[in-house]
């Protein structure tokens, strides 16, 4: 990802869209966005999807939104999951 500004957040819905849009569209910086998880551990108030399926939906929503305000790249889920409960943390490469 070749960017001038890389926004990093824990979850796909943690981005500051106003700042990304201003940097990308207003200031013409090459912007990218990195979400450390896919958002599969959160709540879903509008559907029945949970877990990995919810992560897929949130990732697709993130990618669609970032095409407008971070068009030079968006990545979600590099950590492989979210904290599900006390003592359980799923990370990339962890068994």
Protein backbone atom coordinates (compact mmCIF):
# COMPACT_ATOMS: atom_id res chain seq x y z
CA UNK A 1 0.00 0.00 0.00
CA UNK A 2 1.68 3.21 -1.17
CA UNK A 3 0.14 5.98 0.93
CA UNK A 4 1.01 9.33 2.48
CA UNK A 5 -1.34 8.80 5.45
CA UNK A 6 -2.32 5.45 6.97
CA UNK A 7 -5.20 5.50 9.45
CA UNK A 8 -5.11 2.57 11.90
CA UNK A 9 -7.99 1.45 14.13
CA UNK A 10 -9.04 -1.58 16.12
CA UNK A 11 -12.29 -2.33 14.28
CA UNK A 12 -13.79 -1.63 10.84
CA UNK A 13 -16.21 0.97 12.23
CA UNK A 14 -13.63 2.97 14.23
CA UNK A 15 -12.41 5.16 11.37
CA UNK A 16 -12.84 8.92 11.30
CA UNK A 17 -14.49 9.34 7.91
CA UNK A 18 -14.40 13.14 8.05
CA UNK A 19 -10.62 13.19 8.49
CA UNK A 20 -10.05 10.54 5.83
CA UNK A 21 -12.27 12.39 3.33
CA UNK A 22 -10.57 15.72 4.09
CA UNK A 23 -7.09 14.25 3.66
CA UNK A 24 -7.95 12.31 0.52
CA UNK A 25 -10.37 14.60 -1.28
CA UNK A 26 -9.57 17.99 0.24
CA UNK A 27 -5.80 17.82 0.64
CA UNK A 28 -5.20 15.18 -2.10
CA UNK A 29 -3.09 12.91 0.10
CA UNK A 30 -2.93 9.22 -0.78
CA UNK A 31 -4.82 7.71 2.15
CA UNK A 32 -5.16 4.14 3.37
CA UNK A 33 -6.95 2.46 6.25
CA UNK A 34 -5.91 -0.51 8.39
CA UNK A 35 -8.42 -2.18 10.72
CA UNK A 36 -6.71 -4.60 13.10
CA UNK A 37 -9.75 -6.90 13.18
CA UNK A 38 -12.66 -7.69 10.87
CA UNK A 39 -15.28 -6.74 13.45
CA UNK A 40 -16.52 -10.30 13.90
CA UNK A 41 -16.69 -10.07 17.68
CA UNK A 42 -19.15 -7.20 17.86
CA UNK A 43 -22.91 -6.93 18.12
CA UNK A 44 -25.27 -7.07 15.17
CA UNK A 45 -28.50 -5.19 15.81
CA UNK A 46 -29.90 -5.45 12.27
CA UNK A 47 -29.36 -9.11 11.34
CA UNK A 48 -28.68 -12.63 12.53
CA UNK A 49 -25.04 -12.82 11.38
CA UNK A 50 -22.48 -13.52 14.10
CA UNK A 51 -18.79 -14.35 14.29
CA UNK A 52 -16.87 -14.86 11.04
CA UNK A 53 -19.91 -14.16 8.84
CA UNK A 54 -20.41 -10.81 10.57
CA UNK A 55 -16.71 -10.11 9.99
CA UNK A 56 -17.14 -10.73 6.26
CA UNK A 57 -20.08 -8.32 6.10
CA UNK A 58 -18.25 -5.62 8.05
CA UNK A 59 -15.14 -6.04 5.91
CA UNK A 60 -17.16 -5.60 2.71
CA UNK A 61 -18.84 -2.51 4.17
CA UNK A 62 -15.44 -1.12 5.14
CA UNK A 63 -13.97 -1.70 1.68
CA UNK A 64 -16.95 -0.06 -0.03
CA UNK A 65 -16.74 3.01 2.24
CA UNK A 66 -12.98 3.34 1.95
CA UNK A 67 -13.17 3.46 -1.86
CA UNK A 68 -14.56 6.97 -1.30
CA UNK A 69 -12.28 8.35 1.41
CA UNK A 70 -9.20 6.10 1.44
CA UNK A 71 -8.97 4.96 -2.18
CA UNK A 72 -5.33 3.93 -2.03
CA UNK A 73 -5.95 0.89 0.12
CA UNK A 74 -7.90 -0.61 2.96
CA UNK A 75 -7.13 -3.76 4.92
CA UNK A 76 -9.14 -5.44 7.66
CA UNK A 77 -8.45 -8.37 9.92
CA UNK A 78 -4.72 -8.59 10.17
CA UNK A 79 -4.96 -9.65 13.81
CA UNK A 80 -7.28 -12.51 12.90
CA UNK A 81 -10.02 -11.79 15.41
CA UNK A 82 -11.25 -9.84 18.38
CA UNK A 83 -11.34 -10.41 22.08
CA UNK A 84 -14.34 -12.65 22.64
CA UNK A 85 -14.31 -12.82 26.40
CA UNK A 86 -12.10 -12.79 29.46
CA UNK A 87 -8.88 -14.64 28.81
CA UNK A 88 -9.57 -15.36 25.14
CA UNK A 89 -7.72 -13.40 22.49
CA UNK A 90 -7.43 -14.74 18.97
CA UNK A 91 -4.36 -13.48 17.14
CA UNK A 92 -2.69 -14.34 13.89
CA UNK A 93 -0.58 -17.44 14.29
CA UNK A 94 -1.84 -18.26 17.78
CA UNK A 95 -3.10 -21.79 18.41
